[in-house]
Protein backbone atom coordinates (compact mmCIF):
# COMPACT_ATOMS: atom_id res chain seq x y z
CA MET A 1 -0.89 -6.01 -25.80
CA ARG A 2 -1.20 -3.71 -22.99
CA THR A 3 -3.09 -0.08 -22.28
CA ARG A 4 -6.10 0.11 -24.61
CA ALA A 5 -6.94 3.85 -26.10
CA GLY A 6 -10.61 4.12 -26.09
CA HIS A 7 -11.86 1.39 -24.05
CA PRO A 8 -11.67 2.89 -20.33
CA ASP A 9 -13.29 -0.34 -19.22
CA ILE A 10 -10.67 -3.09 -20.17
CA GLY A 11 -7.07 -1.73 -19.31
CA CYS A 12 -4.67 -4.30 -20.97
CA ALA A 13 -5.48 -7.05 -23.21
CA ARG A 14 -2.96 -10.10 -23.56
CA LEU A 15 -2.56 -11.70 -26.76
CA ASP A 16 -1.52 -15.94 -26.61
CA PRO A 17 -1.42 -18.95 -28.77
CA GLY A 18 -0.60 -20.65 -25.71
CA ALA A 19 -3.70 -22.07 -23.83
CA GLY A 20 -1.44 -23.39 -21.03
CA MET A 21 -0.63 -20.12 -20.45
CA LEU A 22 -4.24 -17.94 -20.21
CA GLU A 23 -5.08 -20.91 -17.88
CA GLN A 24 -2.20 -19.46 -15.44
CA ALA A 25 -2.47 -15.99 -16.20
CA ARG A 26 -6.62 -16.30 -15.44
CA ARG A 27 -5.48 -17.01 -11.88
CA ARG A 28 -5.10 -13.71 -11.10
CA PRO A 29 -8.54 -12.39 -11.40
CA GLU A 30 -7.48 -8.52 -9.41
CA LEU A 31 -5.34 -8.11 -12.60
CA ASP A 32 -7.43 -5.90 -15.34
CA ILE A 33 -6.64 -7.11 -18.31
CA GLN A 34 -8.65 -8.77 -21.35
CA TRP A 35 -7.28 -13.05 -22.06
CA ILE A 36 -7.51 -13.12 -25.77
CA LEU A 37 -6.34 -17.04 -27.30
CA GLY A 38 -4.66 -16.38 -30.64
CA ASP A 39 -1.87 -14.71 -32.53
CA LEU A 40 -1.38 -12.10 -34.84
CA GLU A 41 -2.64 -13.48 -37.70
CA SER A 42 -5.87 -14.11 -35.60
CA VAL A 43 -7.03 -10.28 -34.24
CA SER A 44 -7.24 -7.15 -36.70
CA TRP A 45 -6.90 -3.99 -34.52
CA GLU A 46 -6.58 -0.51 -35.97
CA ARG A 47 -4.99 1.78 -33.54
CA GLU A 48 -6.18 0.56 -30.66
CA PHE A 49 -3.75 -0.11 -28.13
CA ASP A 50 -0.78 3.25 -26.95
CA PHE A 51 1.58 0.04 -26.12
CA VAL A 52 1.80 -3.05 -27.70
CA VAL A 53 5.01 -5.80 -25.77
CA MET A 54 6.36 -8.82 -27.12
CA THR A 55 6.93 -10.92 -24.14
CA GLY A 56 9.70 -13.81 -23.38
CA HIS A 57 11.64 -13.53 -26.49
CA ALA A 58 9.14 -14.21 -28.62
CA PHE A 59 11.06 -12.29 -31.25
CA GLN A 60 13.09 -15.22 -31.87
CA VAL A 61 10.35 -17.58 -32.49
CA LEU A 62 9.68 -15.62 -35.71
CA LEU A 63 12.08 -17.28 -37.75
CA GLY A 64 11.25 -16.47 -41.45
CA ASP A 65 11.78 -13.05 -42.70
CA ASP A 66 8.51 -12.73 -44.03
CA GLU A 67 6.58 -13.80 -40.37
CA LEU A 68 8.75 -11.26 -38.84
CA ARG A 69 7.48 -8.91 -41.21
CA ALA A 70 3.60 -9.52 -41.69
CA ALA A 71 3.73 -9.93 -37.35
CA LEU A 72 5.81 -6.24 -37.23
CA ALA A 73 2.84 -5.11 -40.03
CA ALA A 74 0.43 -6.29 -37.45
CA VAL A 75 1.76 -4.51 -34.63
CA ARG A 76 2.33 -0.85 -36.13
CA ALA A 77 -1.39 -1.38 -37.48
CA ALA A 78 -2.35 -2.42 -33.95
CA LEU A 79 -1.16 0.64 -32.39
CA THR A 80 -2.17 4.42 -32.46
CA ASP A 81 -0.06 7.60 -33.63
CA GLY A 82 2.42 8.18 -31.37
CA GLY A 83 2.00 4.50 -29.74
CA GLN A 84 5.00 2.39 -28.23
CA PHE A 85 5.97 -0.87 -29.13
CA GLY A 86 8.58 -2.92 -26.88
CA PHE A 87 10.41 -6.49 -27.37
CA GLU A 88 13.43 -7.89 -26.26
CA THR A 89 15.86 -10.30 -27.64
CA ARG A 90 19.33 -11.98 -26.95
CA ASP A 91 22.39 -10.37 -27.97
CA PRO A 92 23.88 -13.32 -30.29
CA LEU A 93 27.43 -11.84 -29.28
CA ALA A 94 26.65 -13.09 -25.68
CA ARG A 95 26.59 -16.35 -27.71
CA THR A 96 24.20 -17.88 -24.56
CA TRP A 97 23.20 -20.64 -26.15
CA GLU A 98 26.65 -22.28 -25.45
CA SER A 99 25.99 -22.54 -21.80
CA TRP A 100 22.28 -23.80 -22.64
CA THR A 101 22.96 -27.81 -22.25
CA THR A 102 22.79 -28.82 -18.64
CA GLU A 103 24.52 -31.99 -17.48
CA THR A 104 22.61 -31.92 -14.71
CA PRO A 105 19.03 -31.38 -13.67
CA VAL A 106 18.49 -27.85 -12.77
CA GLU A 107 15.07 -27.39 -10.23
CA VAL A 108 12.26 -25.42 -11.81
CA ALA A 109 9.99 -23.15 -9.97
CA ALA A 110 6.22 -24.58 -10.52
CA GLY A 111 3.95 -22.31 -9.03
CA ALA A 112 1.89 -24.08 -6.19
CA ALA A 113 2.82 -27.10 -7.05
CA ALA A 114 6.31 -28.77 -6.18
CA SER A 115 9.57 -28.08 -8.12
CA MET A 116 10.65 -30.04 -10.98
CA ARG A 117 13.59 -30.89 -13.20
CA MET A 118 14.61 -29.92 -16.15
CA THR A 119 17.63 -30.53 -18.30
CA ARG A 120 18.19 -28.76 -21.80
CA GLN A 121 20.31 -29.79 -25.03
CA VAL A 122 21.37 -28.09 -27.64
CA ARG A 123 20.76 -30.06 -31.00
CA SER A 124 22.12 -27.81 -33.46
CA VAL A 125 23.87 -24.25 -34.38
CA ASP A 126 23.14 -23.48 -37.82
CA GLY A 127 24.28 -19.35 -38.84
CA GLU A 128 21.42 -17.62 -36.80
CA ILE A 129 19.32 -20.46 -35.92
CA VAL A 130 19.73 -22.50 -32.22
CA VAL A 131 17.38 -25.46 -31.90
CA PHE A 132 16.94 -26.97 -28.36
CA THR A 133 15.19 -29.75 -26.07
CA SER A 134 14.38 -28.84 -22.79
CA THR A 135 12.94 -31.98 -20.45
CA PHE A 136 11.11 -31.84 -17.70
CA ASP A 137 10.36 -34.20 -14.99
CA ILE A 138 7.39 -33.06 -13.11
CA PRO A 139 6.47 -35.22 -9.85
CA GLY A 140 4.00 -37.44 -10.32
CA LYS A 141 4.17 -37.89 -13.33
CA SER A 142 5.57 -41.18 -14.83
CA ALA A 143 7.42 -39.36 -18.03
CA PRO A 144 9.73 -36.86 -18.69
CA ARG A 145 8.24 -34.19 -20.96
CA HIS A 146 9.90 -33.14 -23.85
CA SER A 147 9.68 -29.56 -25.38
CA ASP A 148 11.43 -28.78 -28.96
CA SER A 149 12.56 -24.88 -29.41
CA THR A 150 13.76 -23.50 -32.17
CA LEU A 151 15.29 -19.97 -31.55
CA ARG A 152 16.56 -17.51 -34.55
CA PHE A 153 19.38 -14.58 -33.09
CA ARG A 154 19.09 -11.42 -34.78
CA GLY A 155 22.37 -9.32 -34.59
CA ALA A 156 21.90 -6.20 -33.51
CA ASP A 157 20.92 -4.23 -36.45
CA ARG A 158 19.11 -6.45 -37.66
CA PRO A 159 15.40 -5.55 -35.66
CA ASP A 160 15.85 -2.06 -37.25
CA VAL A 161 15.83 -3.41 -40.68
CA PHE A 162 13.07 -5.12 -40.26
CA LEU A 163 10.76 -2.16 -38.00
CA ALA A 164 11.81 0.34 -40.85
CA GLY A 165 9.82 -1.42 -42.91
CA ALA A 166 7.22 -2.14 -41.12
CA GLY A 167 6.79 1.75 -39.40
CA PRO A 168 7.75 1.94 -36.19
CA ALA A 169 10.87 3.25 -36.09
CA ALA A 170 13.23 2.61 -32.99
CA ASP A 171 12.52 4.79 -30.45
CA GLU A 172 14.67 3.78 -27.70
CA ARG A 173 17.49 0.55 -27.21
CA TYR A 174 18.76 -1.23 -23.44
CA GLY A 175 21.43 -3.68 -23.13
CA ASP A 176 19.98 -5.54 -19.94
CA ARG A 177 16.16 -5.19 -17.85
CA ALA A 178 18.50 -2.90 -15.79
CA GLY A 179 18.24 -0.63 -17.88
CA GLY A 180 21.60 -0.38 -19.29
CA PRO A 181 23.51 0.25 -22.27
CA PRO A 182 23.44 -1.81 -24.98
CA GLY A 183 27.29 -3.32 -26.02
CA GLU A 184 28.93 -5.82 -27.36
CA GLY A 185 28.56 -9.19 -25.01
CA SER A 186 25.50 -7.31 -23.31
CA PRO A 187 22.78 -10.01 -22.24
CA GLU A 188 19.86 -8.46 -24.17
CA ILE A 189 18.75 -6.24 -27.11
CA ILE A 190 15.58 -4.83 -26.09
CA THR A 191 13.77 -1.96 -28.02
CA VAL A 192 10.90 0.31 -28.12
CA ALA A 193 9.74 1.71 -31.00
CA ARG A 194 7.12 4.73 -31.39
CA ARG A 195 4.84 4.58 -34.29
CA THR A 196 4.98 7.60 -36.08
CA PRO A 197 2.51 9.12 -38.48
CA ALA A 198 1.86 8.72 -41.56
């Protein structure tokens, strides 16, 4: 969540279900952000934000249709009239998961700590659902850490279907983070939707 309307003392708010992520984020005290542990089901904002951003391809973690509809309804409720909602999802036509399985570890920066080594294995692809495991070898840890993930790769037209049902209307669309046009094989589907008055 960003740009909190009517709260000049709070420039932004960040809502995150990961306590570890917030712990890292709070190490940036110069940022004018209210840090909130939770998810869209744990808050009930009404017209408090001019702009809401769903980062890190989190849109793809919403696997079920009902779960996605509920999230979009909560986002719409949080937006002021004319407020915007930005989110990203990987374009399934690019089939990025086909390159995710790594035979050799890759170095991953870990902030001030030494780099860790990561391998990734795609476990299954079933229609729109991709299941994979990331394994991290962390300096100073006796055993690697594993993270299992499941993502849904919805087609380019699917976000609009859900947005139409929830209220915000797609306003802008991009195919990459440089603002390029969307299209077949573009890596991203980046959408900016706008809440219109009811």
